[in-house]
């Protein structure tokens, strides 16, 4: 990937994205996310190359900068959270696309992101039903989506999905959390009673 057109085309392939030139300067072409109008891809020409500014998770920021010389601290942006990709031909297309996709994921208001944020709010010693998590995430109708998101939990250490039970207080399938009885053990470590694979929602539900 060397051209602005390629980068913009890929950026615009994401759901809810649109292009804008907000600075009355055609050199700066941005791709934003409609729901919150946040930009996740900045494109501009500098020193003879097309540059892309992408948002980056601090945990990945230094990885990308160390992996490629053409990835630098964000030009004209918060260098803690933004990287600049110089399209000089040294970075494989799939890696550039991955960085753009990560930027989109960080700013997009995706249902999964809202679900994970809701689960983080379940305090130790309490549980929430799938329906309650859906309500906390802003849409009571997406209880099924809660289950799907939790099965793909990207960070179990900080997203305590074991604190989510069904509408009857029943625990998930035996192997959903790493083995038979794993969810029960985690809940009991939180101080929650588990009897016959169930939790008393009146006592422990939020």
N, C-alpha and C. Protein backbone atom coordinates (compact mmCIF):
# COMPACT_ATOMS: atom_id res chain seq x y z
N UNK A 1 0.86 -1.20 0.00
CA UNK A 1 0.00 0.00 0.00
C UNK A 1 0.89 1.24 0.00
N UNK A 2 0.77 2.03 -1.06
CA UNK A 2 1.60 3.23 -1.14
C UNK A 2 0.78 4.51 -1.39
N UNK A 3 -0.45 4.34 -1.84
CA UNK A 3 -1.22 5.53 -2.23
C UNK A 3 -2.28 5.90 -1.20
N UNK A 4 -2.64 7.18 -1.23
CA UNK A 4 -3.72 7.67 -0.38
C UNK A 4 -5.03 6.98 -0.74
N UNK A 5 -5.24 6.78 -2.05
CA UNK A 5 -6.49 6.18 -2.52
C UNK A 5 -6.70 4.79 -1.92
N UNK A 6 -5.64 3.99 -1.87
CA UNK A 6 -5.74 2.65 -1.28
C UNK A 6 -6.10 2.72 0.19
N UNK A 7 -5.45 3.63 0.91
CA UNK A 7 -5.70 3.75 2.34
C UNK A 7 -7.13 4.22 2.61
N UNK A 8 -7.57 5.21 1.85
CA UNK A 8 -8.93 5.72 2.04
C UNK A 8 -9.97 4.66 1.70
N UNK A 9 -9.72 3.92 0.63
CA UNK A 9 -10.66 2.86 0.23
C UNK A 9 -10.80 1.83 1.33
N UNK A 10 -9.68 1.46 1.95
CA UNK A 10 -9.75 0.47 3.03
C UNK A 10 -10.46 1.07 4.25
N UNK A 11 -10.12 2.31 4.58
CA UNK A 11 -10.77 2.96 5.72
C UNK A 11 -12.27 3.06 5.55
N UNK A 12 -12.71 3.33 4.33
CA UNK A 12 -14.14 3.48 4.05
C UNK A 12 -14.86 2.14 3.95
N UNK A 13 -14.12 1.04 4.01
CA UNK A 13 -14.76 -0.27 3.98
C UNK A 13 -15.37 -0.65 5.33
N UNK A 14 -15.04 0.12 6.38
CA UNK A 14 -15.57 -0.18 7.70
C UNK A 14 -16.97 0.39 7.88
N UNK A 15 -17.80 -0.34 8.55
CA UNK A 15 -19.19 0.05 8.75
C UNK A 15 -19.29 1.42 9.44
N UNK A 16 -20.13 2.28 8.87
CA UNK A 16 -20.38 3.59 9.49
C UNK A 16 -19.29 4.61 9.27
N UNK A 17 -18.41 4.39 8.30
CA UNK A 17 -17.31 5.33 8.07
C UNK A 17 -17.65 6.30 6.94
N UNK A 18 -17.04 7.49 6.98
CA UNK A 18 -17.22 8.46 5.92
C UNK A 18 -15.97 9.33 5.82
N UNK A 19 -15.77 9.93 4.66
CA UNK A 19 -14.57 10.73 4.39
C UNK A 19 -14.86 12.21 4.57
N UNK A 20 -13.84 12.94 5.04
CA UNK A 20 -14.02 14.38 5.25
C UNK A 20 -12.67 15.09 5.09
N UNK A 21 -12.72 16.33 4.61
CA UNK A 21 -11.53 17.19 4.55
C UNK A 21 -11.84 18.43 5.39
N UNK A 22 -11.63 18.36 6.70
CA UNK A 22 -12.13 19.41 7.60
C UNK A 22 -11.29 20.68 7.67
N UNK A 23 -10.10 20.68 7.11
CA UNK A 23 -9.21 21.82 7.31
C UNK A 23 -9.12 22.74 6.10
N UNK A 24 -10.04 22.60 5.14
CA UNK A 24 -10.01 23.40 3.92
C UNK A 24 -8.66 23.27 3.22
N UNK A 25 -8.06 22.10 3.38
CA UNK A 25 -6.76 21.80 2.77
C UNK A 25 -6.88 20.39 2.20
N UNK A 26 -6.88 20.23 0.87
CA UNK A 26 -7.06 18.91 0.26
C UNK A 26 -5.98 17.90 0.63
N UNK A 27 -4.86 18.37 1.20
CA UNK A 27 -3.81 17.44 1.60
C UNK A 27 -4.24 16.59 2.80
N UNK A 28 -5.19 17.10 3.58
CA UNK A 28 -5.65 16.37 4.76
C UNK A 28 -7.02 15.76 4.48
N UNK A 29 -7.04 14.45 4.32
CA UNK A 29 -8.28 13.71 4.09
C UNK A 29 -8.45 12.71 5.25
N UNK A 30 -9.58 12.80 5.94
CA UNK A 30 -9.81 11.97 7.11
C UNK A 30 -10.94 10.97 6.86
N UNK A 31 -10.91 9.87 7.59
CA UNK A 31 -12.04 8.94 7.62
C UNK A 31 -12.55 8.90 9.05
N UNK A 32 -13.85 9.18 9.20
CA UNK A 32 -14.47 9.23 10.52
C UNK A 32 -15.53 8.15 10.68
N UNK A 33 -15.95 7.97 11.93
CA UNK A 33 -17.02 7.03 12.26
C UNK A 33 -18.28 7.84 12.53
N UNK A 34 -19.36 7.54 11.80
CA UNK A 34 -20.57 8.37 11.83
C UNK A 34 -21.19 8.51 13.21
N UNK A 35 -21.21 7.43 13.99
CA UNK A 35 -21.93 7.45 15.26
C UNK A 35 -21.40 8.49 16.23
N UNK A 36 -20.09 8.71 16.23
CA UNK A 36 -19.53 9.70 17.17
C UNK A 36 -18.65 10.74 16.49
N UNK A 37 -18.53 10.65 15.15
CA UNK A 37 -17.78 11.60 14.33
C UNK A 37 -16.28 11.63 14.64
N UNK A 38 -15.80 10.60 15.33
CA UNK A 38 -14.37 10.55 15.64
C UNK A 38 -13.60 10.03 14.42
N UNK A 39 -12.43 10.61 14.19
CA UNK A 39 -11.58 10.17 13.09
C UNK A 39 -10.72 9.00 13.54
N UNK A 40 -10.59 7.99 12.67
CA UNK A 40 -9.70 6.88 12.99
C UNK A 40 -8.59 6.73 11.96
N UNK A 41 -8.68 7.51 10.86
CA UNK A 41 -7.64 7.46 9.83
C UNK A 41 -7.43 8.86 9.26
N UNK A 42 -6.21 9.36 9.41
CA UNK A 42 -5.83 10.65 8.83
C UNK A 42 -4.86 10.37 7.69
N UNK A 43 -5.05 11.00 6.55
CA UNK A 43 -4.11 10.81 5.43
C UNK A 43 -3.60 12.18 4.98
N UNK A 44 -2.30 12.25 4.67
CA UNK A 44 -1.70 13.50 4.20
C UNK A 44 -0.34 13.18 3.58
N UNK A 45 0.12 14.07 2.70
CA UNK A 45 1.44 13.89 2.09
C UNK A 45 2.46 14.71 2.84
N UNK A 46 3.61 14.08 3.13
CA UNK A 46 4.68 14.78 3.86
C UNK A 46 6.02 14.18 3.44
N UNK A 47 6.94 15.04 3.07
CA UNK A 47 8.29 14.63 2.67
C UNK A 47 8.27 13.61 1.53
N UNK A 48 7.32 13.78 0.62
CA UNK A 48 7.28 12.93 -0.56
C UNK A 48 6.56 11.60 -0.41
N UNK A 49 6.03 11.35 0.79
CA UNK A 49 5.30 10.10 1.03
C UNK A 49 3.91 10.39 1.59
N UNK A 50 2.97 9.50 1.30
CA UNK A 50 1.68 9.56 1.97
C UNK A 50 1.85 9.02 3.39
N UNK A 51 1.34 9.78 4.34
CA UNK A 51 1.38 9.38 5.75
C UNK A 51 -0.03 9.10 6.25
N UNK A 52 -0.13 8.13 7.16
CA UNK A 52 -1.40 7.82 7.81
C UNK A 52 -1.23 7.98 9.31
N UNK A 53 -2.17 8.67 9.94
CA UNK A 53 -2.20 8.70 11.39
C UNK A 53 -3.32 7.76 11.86
N UNK A 54 -2.98 6.84 12.75
CA UNK A 54 -3.96 5.88 13.26
C UNK A 54 -3.89 5.85 14.78
N UNK A 55 -5.04 5.66 15.39
CA UNK A 55 -5.07 5.55 16.85
C UNK A 55 -4.53 4.19 17.25
N UNK A 56 -3.83 4.13 18.37
CA UNK A 56 -3.23 2.87 18.79
C UNK A 56 -3.40 2.67 20.29
N UNK A 57 -3.62 1.45 20.67
CA UNK A 57 -3.66 1.09 22.09
C UNK A 57 -2.24 1.25 22.64
N UNK A 58 -2.07 1.90 23.80
CA UNK A 58 -0.72 2.06 24.35
C UNK A 58 0.05 0.75 24.48
N UNK A 59 -0.69 -0.36 24.64
CA UNK A 59 -0.02 -1.66 24.77
C UNK A 59 0.61 -2.11 23.45
N UNK A 60 0.08 -1.60 22.32
CA UNK A 60 0.60 -1.97 21.00
C UNK A 60 1.45 -0.86 20.38
N UNK A 61 1.35 0.33 20.92
CA UNK A 61 2.02 1.51 20.35
C UNK A 61 3.51 1.25 20.10
N UNK A 62 4.22 0.83 21.13
CA UNK A 62 5.66 0.65 21.01
C UNK A 62 6.03 -0.59 20.20
N UNK A 63 5.12 -1.58 20.20
CA UNK A 63 5.36 -2.76 19.38
C UNK A 63 5.47 -2.37 17.92
N UNK A 64 4.50 -1.56 17.44
CA UNK A 64 4.50 -1.17 16.04
C UNK A 64 5.70 -0.26 15.72
N UNK A 65 6.00 0.65 16.64
CA UNK A 65 7.14 1.54 16.40
C UNK A 65 8.46 0.78 16.36
N UNK A 66 8.55 -0.26 17.16
CA UNK A 66 9.77 -1.05 17.19
C UNK A 66 9.89 -2.01 16.02
N UNK A 67 8.73 -2.43 15.49
CA UNK A 67 8.73 -3.42 14.41
C UNK A 67 9.10 -2.81 13.07
N UNK A 68 8.64 -1.55 12.84
CA UNK A 68 8.88 -0.92 11.54
C UNK A 68 9.43 0.50 11.72
N UNK A 69 10.49 0.82 11.02
CA UNK A 69 11.04 2.18 11.08
C UNK A 69 10.05 3.20 10.54
N UNK A 70 9.17 2.74 9.65
CA UNK A 70 8.20 3.65 9.02
C UNK A 70 6.98 3.91 9.90
N UNK A 71 6.96 3.35 11.11
CA UNK A 71 5.91 3.68 12.07
C UNK A 71 6.54 4.57 13.14
N UNK A 72 5.99 5.78 13.26
CA UNK A 72 6.58 6.79 14.14
C UNK A 72 5.52 7.35 15.09
N UNK A 73 5.94 8.07 16.13
CA UNK A 73 4.96 8.74 17.00
C UNK A 73 4.05 9.66 16.18
N UNK A 74 2.79 9.74 16.55
CA UNK A 74 1.79 10.47 15.78
C UNK A 74 2.17 11.92 15.48
N UNK A 75 2.22 12.26 14.21
CA UNK A 75 2.54 13.62 13.78
C UNK A 75 1.38 14.55 14.08
N UNK A 76 1.64 15.62 14.81
CA UNK A 76 0.63 16.63 15.16
C UNK A 76 -0.51 16.07 16.02
N UNK A 77 -0.30 14.92 16.66
CA UNK A 77 -1.34 14.36 17.52
C UNK A 77 -0.72 13.83 18.80
N UNK A 78 -1.58 13.41 19.74
CA UNK A 78 -1.12 12.87 21.01
C UNK A 78 -0.27 11.62 20.77
N UNK A 79 1.00 11.72 21.04
CA UNK A 79 1.92 10.62 20.72
C UNK A 79 1.77 9.42 21.64
N UNK A 80 0.98 9.59 22.70
CA UNK A 80 0.68 8.45 23.57
C UNK A 80 -0.30 7.51 22.90
N UNK A 81 -1.19 8.08 22.08
CA UNK A 81 -2.31 7.31 21.54
C UNK A 81 -2.37 7.24 20.02
N UNK A 82 -1.43 7.88 19.33
CA UNK A 82 -1.47 7.89 17.87
C UNK A 82 -0.11 7.54 17.29
N UNK A 83 -0.14 6.77 16.22
CA UNK A 83 1.07 6.48 15.45
C UNK A 83 0.92 7.03 14.04
N UNK A 84 2.03 7.35 13.43
CA UNK A 84 2.07 7.74 12.02
C UNK A 84 2.71 6.61 11.22
N UNK A 85 2.03 6.21 10.15
CA UNK A 85 2.55 5.19 9.25
C UNK A 85 3.00 5.88 7.97
N UNK A 86 4.26 5.76 7.62
CA UNK A 86 4.78 6.34 6.38
C UNK A 86 4.68 5.26 5.29
N UNK A 87 3.93 5.55 4.24
CA UNK A 87 3.74 4.56 3.17
C UNK A 87 4.93 4.58 2.21
N UNK A 88 6.05 4.05 2.69
CA UNK A 88 7.27 4.02 1.87
C UNK A 88 7.52 2.66 1.24
N UNK A 89 6.55 1.75 1.38
CA UNK A 89 6.68 0.43 0.78
C UNK A 89 7.34 -0.60 1.68
N UNK A 90 7.75 -0.21 2.87
CA UNK A 90 8.48 -1.13 3.75
C UNK A 90 7.58 -1.97 4.65
N UNK A 91 6.29 -1.62 4.73
CA UNK A 91 5.37 -2.33 5.63
C UNK A 91 4.39 -3.16 4.79
N UNK A 92 4.25 -4.45 5.06
CA UNK A 92 3.29 -5.27 4.30
C UNK A 92 1.87 -4.72 4.41
N UNK A 93 1.12 -4.87 3.33
CA UNK A 93 -0.25 -4.35 3.30
C UNK A 93 -1.09 -4.86 4.46
N UNK A 94 -0.95 -6.17 4.78
CA UNK A 94 -1.81 -6.73 5.82
C UNK A 94 -1.52 -6.11 7.19
N UNK A 95 -0.26 -5.67 7.40
CA UNK A 95 0.08 -5.02 8.67
C UNK A 95 -0.50 -3.60 8.72
N UNK A 96 -0.46 -2.90 7.60
CA UNK A 96 -1.06 -1.56 7.55
C UNK A 96 -2.55 -1.67 7.81
N UNK A 97 -3.18 -2.64 7.17
CA UNK A 97 -4.62 -2.83 7.36
C UNK A 97 -4.95 -3.19 8.80
N UNK A 98 -4.09 -3.97 9.42
CA UNK A 98 -4.32 -4.34 10.81
C UNK A 98 -4.26 -3.11 11.71
N UNK A 99 -3.32 -2.21 11.46
CA UNK A 99 -3.20 -0.99 12.27
C UNK A 99 -4.41 -0.08 12.06
N UNK A 100 -4.89 0.01 10.82
CA UNK A 100 -6.08 0.83 10.55
C UNK A 100 -7.30 0.21 11.24
N UNK A 101 -7.41 -1.12 11.18
CA UNK A 101 -8.53 -1.81 11.81
C UNK A 101 -8.51 -1.63 13.32
N UNK A 102 -7.32 -1.67 13.91
CA UNK A 102 -7.20 -1.46 15.35
C UNK A 102 -7.64 -0.04 15.72
N UNK A 103 -7.29 0.92 14.87
CA UNK A 103 -7.69 2.31 15.11
C UNK A 103 -9.21 2.44 15.08
N UNK A 104 -9.83 1.80 14.09
CA UNK A 104 -11.30 1.82 13.99
C UNK A 104 -11.93 1.21 15.24
N UNK A 105 -11.42 0.07 15.65
CA UNK A 105 -11.98 -0.62 16.82
C UNK A 105 -11.90 0.25 18.08
N UNK A 106 -10.85 1.05 18.19
CA UNK A 106 -10.67 1.88 19.38
C UNK A 106 -11.67 3.02 19.46
N UNK A 107 -12.12 3.52 18.31
CA UNK A 107 -13.03 4.67 18.36
C UNK A 107 -14.49 4.29 18.07
N UNK A 108 -14.70 3.14 17.44
CA UNK A 108 -16.06 2.75 17.06
C UNK A 108 -16.88 2.35 18.28
N UNK A 109 -18.12 2.72 18.27
CA UNK A 109 -19.04 2.40 19.36
C UNK A 109 -19.68 1.04 19.07
N UNK A 110 -18.88 -0.02 19.12
CA UNK A 110 -19.39 -1.33 18.76
C UNK A 110 -20.18 -1.95 19.92
N UNK A 111 -21.17 -2.78 19.63
CA UNK A 111 -21.93 -3.44 20.69
C UNK A 111 -21.03 -4.24 21.62
N UNK A 112 -20.04 -4.93 21.06
CA UNK A 112 -19.15 -5.75 21.90
C UNK A 112 -18.40 -4.88 22.90
N UNK A 113 -17.95 -3.72 22.44
CA UNK A 113 -17.21 -2.83 23.33
C UNK A 113 -18.10 -2.38 24.49
N UNK A 114 -19.36 -2.04 24.17
CA UNK A 114 -20.28 -1.61 25.23
C UNK A 114 -20.60 -2.75 26.19
N UNK A 115 -20.69 -3.95 25.66
CA UNK A 115 -20.94 -5.13 26.51
C UNK A 115 -19.78 -5.34 27.47
N UNK A 116 -18.56 -5.28 26.94
CA UNK A 116 -17.40 -5.49 27.80
C UNK A 116 -17.30 -4.41 28.88
N UNK A 117 -17.61 -3.18 28.52
CA UNK A 117 -17.56 -2.10 29.51
C UNK A 117 -18.62 -2.33 30.59
N UNK A 118 -19.78 -2.84 30.20
CA UNK A 118 -20.84 -3.13 31.17
C UNK A 118 -20.41 -4.23 32.13
N UNK A 119 -19.80 -5.28 31.60
CA UNK A 119 -19.37 -6.41 32.44
C UNK A 119 -18.31 -5.95 33.45
N UNK A 120 -17.46 -5.03 33.04
CA UNK A 120 -16.43 -4.52 33.95
C UNK A 120 -17.05 -3.84 35.18
N UNK A 121 -18.28 -3.39 35.04
CA UNK A 121 -18.94 -2.66 36.13
C UNK A 121 -19.63 -3.59 37.14
N UNK A 122 -19.66 -4.89 36.86
CA UNK A 122 -20.26 -5.82 37.81
C UNK A 122 -19.29 -5.97 38.98
N UNK A 123 -19.68 -5.55 40.18
CA UNK A 123 -18.73 -5.57 41.30
C UNK A 123 -18.46 -6.97 41.83
N UNK A 124 -17.35 -7.11 42.48
CA UNK A 124 -17.01 -8.38 43.13
C UNK A 124 -18.09 -8.71 44.15
N UNK A 125 -18.54 -9.96 44.15
CA UNK A 125 -19.59 -10.37 45.07
C UNK A 125 -20.99 -10.24 44.50
N UNK A 126 -21.06 -9.84 43.22
CA UNK A 126 -22.36 -9.70 42.56
C UNK A 126 -22.33 -10.41 41.20
N UNK A 127 -23.52 -10.70 40.67
CA UNK A 127 -23.64 -11.24 39.32
C UNK A 127 -24.68 -10.42 38.56
N UNK A 128 -24.67 -10.57 37.25
CA UNK A 128 -25.69 -9.93 36.41
C UNK A 128 -26.15 -10.94 35.37
N UNK A 129 -27.42 -10.86 35.00
CA UNK A 129 -27.93 -11.74 33.95
C UNK A 129 -27.53 -11.18 32.59
N UNK A 130 -27.66 -12.02 31.56
CA UNK A 130 -27.37 -11.56 30.21
C UNK A 130 -28.25 -10.36 29.85
N UNK A 131 -29.51 -10.44 30.28
CA UNK A 131 -30.43 -9.34 30.01
C UNK A 131 -30.04 -8.06 30.71
N UNK A 132 -29.54 -8.19 31.94
CA UNK A 132 -29.11 -7.01 32.69
C UNK A 132 -27.89 -6.38 32.04
N UNK A 133 -26.95 -7.22 31.59
CA UNK A 133 -25.76 -6.69 30.91
C UNK A 133 -26.19 -5.96 29.63
N UNK A 134 -27.13 -6.54 28.89
CA UNK A 134 -27.62 -5.90 27.67
C UNK A 134 -28.23 -4.53 27.99
N UNK A 135 -28.99 -4.48 29.07
CA UNK A 135 -29.59 -3.21 29.49
C UNK A 135 -28.50 -2.20 29.86
N UNK A 136 -27.50 -2.65 30.60
CA UNK A 136 -26.39 -1.77 30.99
C UNK A 136 -25.60 -1.29 29.77
N UNK A 137 -25.60 -2.12 28.71
CA UNK A 137 -24.88 -1.76 27.49
C UNK A 137 -25.73 -0.91 26.55
N UNK A 138 -26.97 -0.62 26.95
CA UNK A 138 -27.79 0.31 26.19
C UNK A 138 -28.85 -0.28 25.28
N UNK A 139 -29.02 -1.61 25.30
CA UNK A 139 -30.03 -2.22 24.44
C UNK A 139 -30.52 -3.52 25.06
N UNK A 140 -31.71 -3.48 25.64
CA UNK A 140 -32.26 -4.64 26.33
C UNK A 140 -32.46 -5.84 25.41
N UNK A 141 -32.54 -5.58 24.10
CA UNK A 141 -32.86 -6.65 23.15
C UNK A 141 -31.64 -7.48 22.73
N UNK A 142 -30.45 -7.10 23.19
CA UNK A 142 -29.28 -7.81 22.68
C UNK A 142 -28.68 -8.80 23.68
N UNK A 143 -29.54 -9.45 24.46
CA UNK A 143 -29.06 -10.44 25.43
C UNK A 143 -28.27 -11.55 24.74
N UNK A 144 -28.73 -11.96 23.56
CA UNK A 144 -28.02 -13.02 22.82
C UNK A 144 -26.64 -12.54 22.41
N UNK A 145 -26.55 -11.27 22.03
CA UNK A 145 -25.25 -10.72 21.63
C UNK A 145 -24.28 -10.70 22.81
N UNK A 146 -24.83 -10.57 24.02
CA UNK A 146 -23.99 -10.59 25.22
C UNK A 146 -23.28 -11.93 25.31
N UNK A 147 -24.05 -13.01 25.14
CA UNK A 147 -23.45 -14.34 25.19
C UNK A 147 -22.38 -14.53 24.14
N UNK A 148 -22.65 -14.07 22.93
CA UNK A 148 -21.67 -14.20 21.85
C UNK A 148 -20.39 -13.43 22.15
N UNK A 149 -20.56 -12.22 22.68
CA UNK A 149 -19.39 -11.39 22.99
C UNK A 149 -18.55 -12.01 24.10
N UNK A 150 -19.22 -12.56 25.11
CA UNK A 150 -18.48 -13.11 26.25
C UNK A 150 -17.71 -14.38 25.88
N UNK A 151 -18.22 -15.10 24.91
CA UNK A 151 -17.49 -16.30 24.45
C UNK A 151 -16.22 -15.90 23.70
N UNK A 152 -16.14 -14.63 23.26
CA UNK A 152 -14.95 -14.15 22.56
C UNK A 152 -14.20 -13.12 23.42
N UNK A 153 -14.39 -13.20 24.74
CA UNK A 153 -13.78 -12.26 25.67
C UNK A 153 -12.28 -12.09 25.38
N UNK A 154 -11.84 -10.87 24.97
CA UNK A 154 -10.44 -10.69 24.61
C UNK A 154 -9.51 -10.50 25.81
N UNK A 155 -10.10 -10.24 26.99
CA UNK A 155 -9.27 -9.93 28.15
C UNK A 155 -9.96 -10.40 29.44
N UNK A 156 -9.99 -11.72 29.68
CA UNK A 156 -10.71 -12.26 30.85
C UNK A 156 -10.22 -11.70 32.19
N UNK A 157 -8.96 -11.27 32.25
CA UNK A 157 -8.44 -10.75 33.51
C UNK A 157 -9.12 -9.45 33.95
N UNK A 158 -9.53 -8.64 32.97
CA UNK A 158 -10.17 -7.37 33.33
C UNK A 158 -11.65 -7.31 32.97
N UNK A 159 -12.12 -8.31 32.21
CA UNK A 159 -13.54 -8.38 31.87
C UNK A 159 -14.10 -9.65 32.53
N UNK A 160 -14.66 -9.53 33.73
CA UNK A 160 -15.04 -10.71 34.52
C UNK A 160 -16.34 -11.36 34.05
N UNK A 161 -16.27 -12.01 32.89
CA UNK A 161 -17.49 -12.57 32.31
C UNK A 161 -18.06 -13.74 33.13
N UNK A 162 -17.27 -14.28 34.04
CA UNK A 162 -17.80 -15.35 34.90
C UNK A 162 -18.89 -14.83 35.84
N UNK A 163 -19.01 -13.52 35.98
CA UNK A 163 -20.05 -12.93 36.83
C UNK A 163 -21.38 -12.77 36.11
N UNK A 164 -21.48 -13.31 34.90
CA UNK A 164 -22.73 -13.23 34.13
C UNK A 164 -23.39 -14.61 34.13
N UNK A 165 -24.68 -14.62 34.47
CA UNK A 165 -25.46 -15.87 34.53
C UNK A 165 -26.75 -15.68 33.74
N UNK A 166 -27.50 -16.78 33.56
CA UNK A 166 -28.74 -16.63 32.80
C UNK A 166 -29.87 -16.09 33.69
N UNK A 167 -31.04 -15.96 33.12
CA UNK A 167 -32.16 -15.30 33.82
C UNK A 167 -32.64 -16.08 35.04
N UNK A 168 -32.23 -17.35 35.14
CA UNK A 168 -32.60 -18.16 36.31
C UNK A 168 -31.46 -18.24 37.33
N UNK A 169 -30.39 -17.56 37.04
CA UNK A 169 -29.24 -17.61 37.93
C UNK A 169 -28.32 -18.79 37.66
N UNK A 170 -28.59 -19.50 36.56
CA UNK A 170 -27.80 -20.69 36.25
C UNK A 170 -26.48 -20.31 35.59
N UNK A 171 -25.46 -21.12 35.89
CA UNK A 171 -24.14 -20.87 35.33
C UNK A 171 -24.07 -21.35 33.89
N UNK A 172 -23.03 -20.92 33.20
CA UNK A 172 -22.85 -21.30 31.79
C UNK A 172 -22.42 -22.76 31.69
N UNK A 173 -22.27 -23.23 30.47
CA UNK A 173 -21.84 -24.60 30.23
C UNK A 173 -20.51 -24.90 30.91
N UNK A 174 -20.28 -26.15 31.14
CA UNK A 174 -19.13 -26.58 31.94
C UNK A 174 -17.79 -26.06 31.44
N UNK A 175 -17.64 -25.94 30.13
CA UNK A 175 -16.32 -25.63 29.61
C UNK A 175 -16.18 -24.20 29.09
N UNK A 176 -17.19 -23.38 29.35
CA UNK A 176 -17.14 -22.01 28.83
C UNK A 176 -16.04 -21.17 29.48
N UNK A 177 -15.61 -21.55 30.68
CA UNK A 177 -14.62 -20.74 31.40
C UNK A 177 -13.34 -21.52 31.69
N UNK A 178 -13.09 -22.54 30.89
CA UNK A 178 -11.82 -23.24 31.03
C UNK A 178 -11.88 -24.59 31.71
N UNK A 179 -13.06 -25.15 31.86
CA UNK A 179 -13.14 -26.48 32.44
C UNK A 179 -14.33 -26.64 33.36
N UNK A 180 -14.61 -27.86 33.71
CA UNK A 180 -15.76 -28.18 34.55
C UNK A 180 -15.63 -27.50 35.91
N UNK A 181 -16.69 -26.79 36.28
CA UNK A 181 -16.72 -26.13 37.58
C UNK A 181 -15.90 -24.86 37.69
N UNK A 182 -15.28 -24.41 36.59
CA UNK A 182 -14.40 -23.23 36.66
C UNK A 182 -15.17 -21.97 37.03
N UNK A 183 -16.35 -21.77 36.43
CA UNK A 183 -17.12 -20.57 36.74
C UNK A 183 -17.55 -20.57 38.19
N UNK A 184 -17.99 -21.72 38.70
CA UNK A 184 -18.40 -21.81 40.10
C UNK A 184 -17.25 -21.46 41.03
N UNK A 185 -16.06 -21.96 40.71
CA UNK A 185 -14.89 -21.67 41.56
C UNK A 185 -14.58 -20.18 41.58
N UNK A 186 -14.67 -19.55 40.42
CA UNK A 186 -14.40 -18.11 40.34
C UNK A 186 -15.43 -17.32 41.13
N UNK A 187 -16.69 -17.71 41.03
CA UNK A 187 -17.74 -17.01 41.77
C UNK A 187 -17.58 -17.21 43.26
N UNK A 188 -17.27 -18.43 43.68
CA UNK A 188 -17.09 -18.69 45.11
C UNK A 188 -15.89 -17.93 45.67
N UNK A 189 -14.87 -17.75 44.83
CA UNK A 189 -13.72 -16.94 45.26
C UNK A 189 -14.12 -15.49 45.47
N UNK A 190 -15.20 -15.06 44.79
CA UNK A 190 -15.75 -13.71 44.98
C UNK A 190 -16.65 -13.63 46.21
N UNK A 191 -16.89 -14.77 46.85
CA UNK A 191 -17.76 -14.79 48.02
C UNK A 191 -19.22 -15.07 47.69
N UNK A 192 -19.47 -15.62 46.50
CA UNK A 192 -20.84 -15.89 46.06
C UNK A 192 -21.15 -17.38 46.24
N UNK A 193 -22.29 -17.67 46.83
CA UNK A 193 -22.71 -19.05 47.01
C UNK A 193 -23.22 -19.62 45.69
N UNK A 194 -22.76 -20.81 45.36
CA UNK A 194 -23.26 -21.52 44.17
C UNK A 194 -23.83 -22.84 44.65
N UNK A 195 -25.12 -23.03 44.45
CA UNK A 195 -25.79 -24.26 44.89
C UNK A 195 -26.42 -24.93 43.69
N UNK A 196 -26.00 -26.17 43.43
CA UNK A 196 -26.53 -26.94 42.30
C UNK A 196 -26.43 -26.16 40.98
N UNK A 197 -25.31 -25.51 40.79
CA UNK A 197 -25.08 -24.80 39.54
C UNK A 197 -25.88 -23.53 39.37
N UNK A 198 -26.37 -22.99 40.49
CA UNK A 198 -27.18 -21.77 40.42
C UNK A 198 -26.74 -20.76 41.48
N UNK A 199 -27.05 -19.50 41.18
CA UNK A 199 -26.79 -18.40 42.10
C UNK A 199 -28.13 -17.76 42.45
N UNK A 200 -28.29 -17.37 43.70
CA UNK A 200 -29.52 -16.70 44.14
C UNK A 200 -29.49 -15.25 43.65
N UNK A 201 -30.30 -14.96 42.63
CA UNK A 201 -30.29 -13.61 42.05
C UNK A 201 -30.82 -12.56 43.00
N UNK A 202 -31.74 -12.95 43.88
CA UNK A 202 -32.26 -11.98 44.85
C UNK A 202 -31.16 -11.52 45.80
N UNK A 203 -30.25 -12.41 46.08
CA UNK A 203 -29.18 -12.11 47.02
C UNK A 203 -27.96 -11.47 46.33
N UNK A 204 -27.62 -11.99 45.14
CA UNK A 204 -26.37 -11.56 44.52
C UNK A 204 -26.53 -10.77 43.22
N UNK A 205 -27.75 -10.72 42.69
CA UNK A 205 -27.94 -10.02 41.42
C UNK A 205 -27.89 -8.52 41.56
N UNK A 206 -27.50 -7.86 40.49
CA UNK A 206 -27.50 -6.38 40.50
C UNK A 206 -28.65 -5.88 39.64
